[in-house]
């Protein structure tokens, strides 16, 4: 899947050059020539990387950077500026920029910075995949902790594995046979009620403080993780 890069710069020559060069490297590129338009593109595109010029009319890059971070986005930001002053670099970094490149720049250096920022983002996302969230339930695979809103829910190993299976398949009806095979490793027997017992225990712990039911029974089909 191609990574998306948003370039915000009021210099048409710069945006045209970056669009061609980044596209040649295999990236999907969208450009905007002012800060206000760039912010709109941010919301619509949710890019993997933002290349942001500092000196722009109406809304400069610092203000764009500030608003992006205040909005909660952790997109890597590479700022471009014609000024090579420490105070400007510090200001950009303090506002949440990840890297800084002074114009005029060598294209090879910019591409290297882009690759580095995207690798760092990829590593951070890889770490975050160890946490799964659905509705107000957060499951941490590293610590094997489960939280319902801010409340820690103590689960046994099998209860944790059962909830993990549901959270890997939100809104998907899982049959008894499927659940038994995935969690207990054998075909479901109609004479055994072990699954029903564990579903009841898991529901009790997840709903202990009056929370809404999140694991629903689908009569004749199985169970589904779905808030209703």
C-alpha atoms as a PDB file:
ATOM      1  CA  UNK A   1       0.000   0.000   0.000  1.00  0.00           C
ATOM      2  CA  UNK A   2       1.451   3.357  -1.051  1.00  0.00           C
ATOM      3  CA  UNK A   3       2.230   5.940   1.606  1.00  0.00           C
ATOM      4  CA  UNK A   4       0.487   9.284   1.260  1.00  0.00           C
ATOM      5  CA  UNK A   5       2.434  12.534   1.545  1.00  0.00           C
ATOM      6  CA  UNK A   6       0.867  15.994   1.821  1.00  0.00           C
ATOM      7  CA  UNK A   7       3.003  18.946   0.691  1.00  0.00           C
ATOM      8  CA  UNK A   8       1.930  22.436   1.815  1.00  0.00           C
ATOM      9  CA  UNK A   9       3.964  25.206   0.158  1.00  0.00           C
ATOM     10  CA  UNK A  10       2.994  28.419  -1.634  1.00  0.00           C
ATOM     11  CA  UNK A  11       5.896  28.085  -4.086  1.00  0.00           C
ATOM     12  CA  UNK A  12       4.484  26.385  -7.188  1.00  0.00           C
ATOM     13  CA  UNK A  13       7.955  25.384  -8.386  1.00  0.00           C
ATOM     14  CA  UNK A  14       8.663  23.608  -5.096  1.00  0.00           C
ATOM     15  CA  UNK A  15       5.320  21.777  -4.978  1.00  0.00           C
ATOM     16  CA  UNK A  16       5.601  20.752  -8.637  1.00  0.00           C
ATOM     17  CA  UNK A  17       9.143  19.435  -8.137  1.00  0.00           C
ATOM     18  CA  UNK A  18       8.220  17.554  -4.967  1.00  0.00           C
ATOM     19  CA  UNK A  19       5.088  16.072  -6.531  1.00  0.00           C
ATOM     20  CA  UNK A  20       7.065  14.654  -9.455  1.00  0.00           C
ATOM     21  CA  UNK A  21      10.038  13.485  -7.392  1.00  0.00           C
ATOM     22  CA  UNK A  22       8.043  11.855  -4.607  1.00  0.00           C
ATOM     23  CA  UNK A  23       5.673  10.202  -7.079  1.00  0.00           C
ATOM     24  CA  UNK A  24       8.698   8.800  -8.916  1.00  0.00           C
ATOM     25  CA  UNK A  25       9.806   7.251  -5.597  1.00  0.00           C
ATOM     26  CA  UNK A  26       6.446   5.512  -5.324  1.00  0.00           C
ATOM     27  CA  UNK A  27       4.592   7.830  -2.957  1.00  0.00           C
ATOM     28  CA  UNK A  28       1.069   9.168  -3.420  1.00  0.00           C
ATOM     29  CA  UNK A  29       1.357  12.978  -3.280  1.00  0.00           C
ATOM     30  CA  UNK A  30      -1.211  15.710  -2.675  1.00  0.00           C
ATOM     31  CA  UNK A  31      -0.283  19.406  -2.594  1.00  0.00           C
ATOM     32  CA  UNK A  32      -1.796  22.590  -1.177  1.00  0.00           C
ATOM     33  CA  UNK A  33      -0.546  26.137  -1.735  1.00  0.00           C
ATOM     34  CA  UNK A  34      -1.645  27.699   1.557  1.00  0.00           C
ATOM     35  CA  UNK A  35      -2.092  26.726   5.191  1.00  0.00           C
ATOM     36  CA  UNK A  36      -5.886  26.848   5.286  1.00  0.00           C
ATOM     37  CA  UNK A  37      -6.232  24.559   2.276  1.00  0.00           C
ATOM     38  CA  UNK A  38      -3.534  22.313   3.704  1.00  0.00           C
ATOM     39  CA  UNK A  39      -5.464  21.838   6.938  1.00  0.00           C
ATOM     40  CA  UNK A  40      -8.537  20.790   4.948  1.00  0.00           C
ATOM     41  CA  UNK A  41      -6.431  18.279   3.032  1.00  0.00           C
ATOM     42  CA  UNK A  42      -5.056  16.947   6.322  1.00  0.00           C
ATOM     43  CA  UNK A  43      -8.552  16.059   7.516  1.00  0.00           C
ATOM     44  CA  UNK A  44      -9.565  14.518   4.194  1.00  0.00           C
ATOM     45  CA  UNK A  45      -6.353  12.624   3.459  1.00  0.00           C
ATOM     46  CA  UNK A  46      -4.899  11.657   6.870  1.00  0.00           C
ATOM     47  CA  UNK A  47      -1.440  11.424   5.251  1.00  0.00           C
ATOM     48  CA  UNK A  48       1.512   9.354   6.415  1.00  0.00           C
ATOM     49  CA  UNK A  49       3.789  12.409   6.229  1.00  0.00           C
ATOM     50  CA  UNK A  50       3.397  16.190   6.045  1.00  0.00           C
ATOM     51  CA  UNK A  51       5.995  18.383   4.296  1.00  0.00           C
ATOM     52  CA  UNK A  52       5.291  21.911   5.456  1.00  0.00           C
ATOM     53  CA  UNK A  53       6.741  25.249   4.359  1.00  0.00           C
ATOM     54  CA  UNK A  54       7.149  27.858   7.094  1.00  0.00           C
ATOM     55  CA  UNK A  55       6.808  31.126   5.216  1.00  0.00           C
ATOM     56  CA  UNK A  56       3.332  31.303   3.681  1.00  0.00           C
ATOM     57  CA  UNK A  57       0.803  34.155   3.498  1.00  0.00           C
ATOM     58  CA  UNK A  58      -2.351  34.234   5.666  1.00  0.00           C
ATOM     59  CA  UNK A  59      -1.375  31.186   7.758  1.00  0.00           C
ATOM     60  CA  UNK A  60       2.277  30.266   8.147  1.00  0.00           C
ATOM     61  CA  UNK A  61       3.683  26.805   8.679  1.00  0.00           C
ATOM     62  CA  UNK A  62       4.140  27.283  12.397  1.00  0.00           C
ATOM     63  CA  UNK A  63       0.429  27.917  12.832  1.00  0.00           C
ATOM     64  CA  UNK A  64      -0.425  24.914  10.665  1.00  0.00           C
ATOM     65  CA  UNK A  65       1.916  22.748  12.724  1.00  0.00           C
ATOM     66  CA  UNK A  66       0.383  24.001  15.966  1.00  0.00           C
ATOM     67  CA  UNK A  67      -3.168  23.266  14.792  1.00  0.00           C
ATOM     68  CA  UNK A  68      -2.260  19.822  13.486  1.00  0.00           C
ATOM     69  CA  UNK A  69      -0.778  18.850  16.849  1.00  0.00           C
ATOM     70  CA  UNK A  70      -3.608  20.437  18.846  1.00  0.00           C
ATOM     71  CA  UNK A  71      -5.997  18.361  16.751  1.00  0.00           C
ATOM     72  CA  UNK A  72      -4.311  15.227  18.057  1.00  0.00           C
ATOM     73  CA  UNK A  73      -2.562  14.123  14.861  1.00  0.00           C
ATOM     74  CA  UNK A  74       0.829  12.450  15.275  1.00  0.00           C
ATOM     75  CA  UNK A  75       1.665  12.597  11.556  1.00  0.00           C
ATOM     76  CA  UNK A  76       5.413  13.163  11.037  1.00  0.00           C
ATOM     77  CA  UNK A  77       6.073  16.765  10.003  1.00  0.00           C
ATOM     78  CA  UNK A  78       9.079  17.861   7.949  1.00  0.00           C
ATOM     79  CA  UNK A  79       9.316  21.659   7.922  1.00  0.00           C
ATOM     80  CA  UNK A  80      10.910  23.622   5.089  1.00  0.00           C
ATOM     81  CA  UNK A  81      12.239  27.132   5.582  1.00  0.00           C
ATOM     82  CA  UNK A  82      14.458  29.698   3.897  1.00  0.00           C
ATOM     83  CA  UNK A  83      15.825  30.696   7.323  1.00  0.00           C
ATOM     84  CA  UNK A  84      18.763  28.870   8.848  1.00  0.00           C
ATOM     85  CA  UNK A  85      18.449  30.315  12.326  1.00  0.00           C
ATOM     86  CA  UNK A  86      18.512  28.218  15.488  1.00  0.00           C
ATOM     87  CA  UNK A  87      15.581  30.144  16.989  1.00  0.00           C
ATOM     88  CA  UNK A  88      13.384  29.230  14.005  1.00  0.00           C
ATOM     89  CA  UNK A  89      14.365  25.574  14.165  1.00  0.00           C
ATOM     90  CA  UNK A  90      13.700  25.455  17.907  1.00  0.00           C
ATOM     91  CA  UNK A  91      10.300  27.098  17.435  1.00  0.00           C
ATOM     92  CA  UNK A  92       9.261  24.536  14.846  1.00  0.00           C
ATOM     93  CA  UNK A  93      10.401  21.604  16.977  1.00  0.00           C
ATOM     94  CA  UNK A  94       8.707  23.032  20.053  1.00  0.00           C
ATOM     95  CA  UNK A  95       5.442  23.229  18.097  1.00  0.00           C
ATOM     96  CA  UNK A  96       5.703  19.522  17.270  1.00  0.00           C
ATOM     97  CA  UNK A  97       7.676  19.298  14.020  1.00  0.00           C
ATOM     98  CA  UNK A  98       9.802  16.165  13.660  1.00  0.00           C
ATOM     99  CA  UNK A  99      12.496  17.448  11.313  1.00  0.00           C
ATOM    100  CA  UNK A 100      13.713  20.644   9.666  1.00  0.00           C
ATOM    101  CA  UNK A 101      15.240  21.296   6.227  1.00  0.00           C
ATOM    102  CA  UNK A 102      16.601  24.637   5.008  1.00  0.00           C
ATOM    103  CA  UNK A 103      15.945  25.892   1.479  1.00  0.00           C
ATOM    104  CA  UNK A 104      17.548  25.495  -0.961  1.00  0.00           C
ATOM    105  CA  UNK A 105      17.945  21.794  -0.239  1.00  0.00           C
ATOM    106  CA  UNK A 106      19.318  18.844  -2.154  1.00  0.00           C
ATOM    107  CA  UNK A 107      16.533  16.557  -3.327  1.00  0.00           C
ATOM    108  CA  UNK A 108      18.514  13.495  -2.220  1.00  0.00           C
ATOM    109  CA  UNK A 109      18.634  14.841   1.337  1.00  0.00           C
ATOM    110  CA  UNK A 110      14.910  15.541   1.405  1.00  0.00           C
ATOM    111  CA  UNK A 111      14.163  12.021   0.163  1.00  0.00           C
ATOM    112  CA  UNK A 112      16.438  10.584   2.842  1.00  0.00           C
ATOM    113  CA  UNK A 113      14.611  12.616   5.527  1.00  0.00           C
ATOM    114  CA  UNK A 114      11.269  11.400   4.163  1.00  0.00           C
ATOM    115  CA  UNK A 115      12.367   7.756   4.303  1.00  0.00           C
ATOM    116  CA  UNK A 116      13.692   8.194   7.833  1.00  0.00           C
ATOM    117  CA  UNK A 117      10.488   9.811   9.127  1.00  0.00           C
ATOM    118  CA  UNK A 118       8.298   7.160   7.526  1.00  0.00           C
ATOM    119  CA  UNK A 119      10.436   4.371   9.024  1.00  0.00           C
ATOM    120  CA  UNK A 120      10.095   5.939  12.459  1.00  0.00           C
ATOM    121  CA  UNK A 121       6.341   6.235  12.022  1.00  0.00           C
ATOM    122  CA  UNK A 122       6.157   2.619  10.878  1.00  0.00           C
ATOM    123  CA  UNK A 123       8.046   1.498  13.978  1.00  0.00           C
ATOM    124  CA  UNK A 124       5.729   3.462  16.262  1.00  0.00           C
ATOM    125  CA  UNK A 125       2.643   2.015  14.562  1.00  0.00           C
ATOM    126  CA  UNK A 126       4.104  -1.473  14.865  1.00  0.00           C
ATOM    127  CA  UNK A 127       4.457  -0.958  18.608  1.00  0.00           C
ATOM    128  CA  UNK A 128       0.911   0.370  18.881  1.00  0.00           C
ATOM    129  CA  UNK A 129      -0.490  -2.755  17.204  1.00  0.00           C
ATOM    130  CA  UNK A 130       0.177  -4.541  20.504  1.00  0.00           C
ATOM    131  CA  UNK A 131      -2.891  -2.719  21.787  1.00  0.00           C
ATOM    132  CA  UNK A 132      -6.378  -3.390  20.493  1.00  0.00           C
ATOM    133  CA  UNK A 133      -9.354  -1.170  21.258  1.00  0.00           C
ATOM    134  CA  UNK A 134     -13.050  -1.553  20.584  1.00  0.00           C
ATOM    135  CA  UNK A 135     -15.609   0.824  22.034  1.00  0.00           C
ATOM    136  CA  UNK A 136     -14.399   1.528  25.605  1.00  0.00           C
ATOM    137  CA  UNK A 137     -12.430  -1.723  25.941  1.00  0.00           C
ATOM    138  CA  UNK A 138      -8.639  -1.658  25.602  1.00  0.00           C
ATOM    139  CA  UNK A 139      -6.639  -4.895  25.431  1.00  0.00           C
ATOM    140  CA  UNK A 140      -2.844  -4.752  25.851  1.00  0.00           C
ATOM    141  CA  UNK A 141      -1.089  -7.820  24.429  1.00  0.00           C
ATOM    142  CA  UNK A 142       2.259  -6.954  26.015  1.00  0.00           C
ATOM    143  CA  UNK A 143       1.064  -6.584  29.594  1.00  0.00           C
ATOM    144  CA  UNK A 144      -2.012  -8.815  29.093  1.00  0.00           C
ATOM    145  CA  UNK A 145      -4.090  -6.151  30.806  1.00  0.00           C
ATOM    146  CA  UNK A 146      -7.665  -5.243  29.915  1.00  0.00           C
ATOM    147  CA  UNK A 147      -9.332  -1.910  30.676  1.00  0.00           C
ATOM    148  CA  UNK A 148     -13.015  -1.018  30.445  1.00  0.00           C
ATOM    149  CA  UNK A 149     -12.882   2.765  30.198  1.00  0.00           C
ATOM    150  CA  UNK A 150     -10.396   3.538  33.001  1.00  0.00           C
ATOM    151  CA  UNK A 151     -11.173   0.391  35.006  1.00  0.00           C
ATOM    152  CA  UNK A 152      -8.718  -2.515  35.092  1.00  0.00           C
ATOM    153  CA  UNK A 153     -10.503  -5.813  34.435  1.00  0.00           C
ATOM    154  CA  UNK A 154      -8.792  -8.885  35.908  1.00  0.00           C
ATOM    155  CA  UNK A 155      -9.100 -11.844  33.513  1.00  0.00           C
ATOM    156  CA  UNK A 156      -7.852 -15.411  33.561  1.00  0.00           C
ATOM    157  CA  UNK A 157      -5.725 -16.678  30.670  1.00  0.00           C
ATOM    158  CA  UNK A 158      -8.693 -18.266  28.863  1.00  0.00           C
ATOM    159  CA  UNK A 159     -10.910 -15.223  29.443  1.00  0.00           C
ATOM    160  CA  UNK A 160      -8.181 -12.990  28.011  1.00  0.00           C
ATOM    161  CA  UNK A 161      -7.774 -15.236  24.956  1.00  0.00           C
ATOM    162  CA  UNK A 162     -11.521 -15.307  24.420  1.00  0.00           C
ATOM    163  CA  UNK A 163     -11.808 -11.522  24.579  1.00  0.00           C
ATOM    164  CA  UNK A 164      -8.781 -11.196  22.292  1.00  0.00           C
ATOM    165  CA  UNK A 165     -10.503 -13.376  19.697  1.00  0.00           C
ATOM    166  CA  UNK A 166     -13.630 -11.226  19.818  1.00  0.00           C
ATOM    167  CA  UNK A 167     -11.618  -7.999  19.554  1.00  0.00           C
ATOM    168  CA  UNK A 168      -9.778  -9.319  16.514  1.00  0.00           C
ATOM    169  CA  UNK A 169     -13.175  -9.858  14.883  1.00  0.00           C
ATOM    170  CA  UNK A 170     -15.416  -6.951  15.958  1.00  0.00           C
ATOM    171  CA  UNK A 171     -19.023  -7.071  14.722  1.00  0.00           C
ATOM    172  CA  UNK A 172     -18.382 -10.496  13.188  1.00  0.00           C
ATOM    173  CA  UNK A 173     -20.560 -13.362  14.406  1.00  0.00           C
ATOM    174  CA  UNK A 174     -18.328 -16.209  15.600  1.00  0.00           C
ATOM    175  CA  UNK A 175     -19.849 -19.671  15.744  1.00  0.00           C
ATOM    176  CA  UNK A 176     -19.392 -21.945  18.748  1.00  0.00           C
ATOM    177  CA  UNK A 177     -17.320 -24.320  16.619  1.00  0.00           C
ATOM    178  CA  UNK A 178     -14.979 -21.519  15.553  1.00  0.00           C
ATOM    179  CA  UNK A 179     -14.508 -20.231  19.100  1.00  0.00           C
ATOM    180  CA  UNK A 180     -13.897 -23.689  20.565  1.00  0.00           C
ATOM    181  CA  UNK A 181     -11.341 -24.524  17.895  1.00  0.00           C
ATOM    182  CA  UNK A 182      -9.492 -21.199  18.265  1.00  0.00           C
ATOM    183  CA  UNK A 183      -9.443 -21.090  22.087  1.00  0.00           C
ATOM    184  CA  UNK A 184      -9.564 -24.717  23.222  1.00  0.00           C
ATOM    185  CA  UNK A 185      -8.139 -26.356  20.129  1.00  0.00           C
ATOM    186  CA  UNK A 186     -10.812 -28.940  19.490  1.00  0.00           C
ATOM    187  CA  UNK A 187     -14.211 -29.219  17.834  1.00  0.00           C
ATOM    188  CA  UNK A 188     -17.182 -28.002  19.818  1.00  0.00           C
ATOM    189  CA  UNK A 189     -19.266 -30.690  21.499  1.00  0.00           C
ATOM    190  CA  UNK A 190     -22.957 -30.079  21.977  1.00  0.00           C
ATOM    191  CA  UNK A 191     -22.779 -31.782  25.346  1.00  0.00           C
ATOM    192  CA  UNK A 192     -20.223 -29.318  26.746  1.00  0.00           C
ATOM    193  CA  UNK A 193     -21.192 -25.942  28.177  1.00  0.00           C
ATOM    194  CA  UNK A 194     -17.624 -24.706  28.795  1.00  0.00           C
ATOM    195  CA  UNK A 195     -18.027 -21.900  26.267  1.00  0.00           C
ATOM    196  CA  UNK A 196     -21.266 -20.673  27.821  1.00  0.00           C
ATOM    197  CA  UNK A 197     -19.594 -20.667  31.242  1.00  0.00           C
ATOM    198  CA  UNK A 198     -16.660 -18.579  30.012  1.00  0.00           C
ATOM    199  CA  UNK A 199     -18.913 -16.169  28.111  1.00  0.00           C
ATOM    200  CA  UNK A 200     -20.929 -15.658  31.314  1.00  0.00           C
ATOM    201  CA  UNK A 201     -17.766 -15.079  33.374  1.00  0.00           C
ATOM    202  CA  UNK A 202     -16.342 -12.650  30.821  1.00  0.00           C
ATOM    203  CA  UNK A 203     -19.592 -10.704  30.635  1.00  0.00           C
ATOM    204  CA  UNK A 204     -19.780 -10.519  34.422  1.00  0.00           C
ATOM    205  CA  UNK A 205     -16.296  -9.024  34.683  1.00  0.00           C
ATOM    206  CA  UNK A 206     -16.777  -6.592  31.796  1.00  0.00           C
ATOM    207  CA  UNK A 207     -20.143  -5.418  33.141  1.00  0.00           C
ATOM    208  CA  UNK A 208     -19.236  -5.425  36.844  1.00  0.00           C
ATOM    209  CA  UNK A 209     -19.685  -1.656  37.198  1.00  0.00           C
ATOM    210  CA  UNK A 210     -22.923  -1.468  35.235  1.00  0.00           C
ATOM    211  CA  UNK A 211     -21.378  -1.097  31.808  1.00  0.00           C
ATOM    212  CA  UNK A 212     -23.416  -1.951  28.716  1.00  0.00           C
ATOM    213  CA  UNK A 213     -23.287  -5.467  27.293  1.00  0.00           C
ATOM    214  CA  UNK A 214     -20.632  -5.735  24.592  1.00  0.00           C
ATOM    215  CA  UNK A 215     -20.646  -9.489  23.870  1.00  0.00           C
ATOM    216  CA  UNK A 216     -23.980 -10.318  22.291  1.00  0.00           C
ATOM    217  CA  UNK A 217     -25.613 -13.701  21.746  1.00  0.00           C
ATOM    218  CA  UNK A 218     -26.829 -14.362  18.213  1.00  0.00           C
ATOM    219  CA  UNK A 219     -29.397 -17.105  18.672  1.00  0.00           C
ATOM    220  CA  UNK A 220     -28.591 -20.189  16.627  1.00  0.00           C
ATOM    221  CA  UNK A 221     -25.386 -18.669  15.242  1.00  0.00           C
ATOM    222  CA  UNK A 222     -22.916 -17.857  18.040  1.00  0.00           C
ATOM    223  CA  UNK A 223     -21.589 -14.666  19.621  1.00  0.00           C
ATOM    224  CA  UNK A 224     -20.507 -11.251  18.441  1.00  0.00           C
ATOM    225  CA  UNK A 225     -18.586  -8.302  19.912  1.00  0.00           C
ATOM    226  CA  UNK A 226     -20.948  -5.429  19.260  1.00  0.00           C
ATOM    227  CA  UNK A 227     -22.164  -2.560  21.385  1.00  0.00           C
ATOM    228  CA  UNK A 228     -25.927  -2.152  21.354  1.00  0.00           C
END
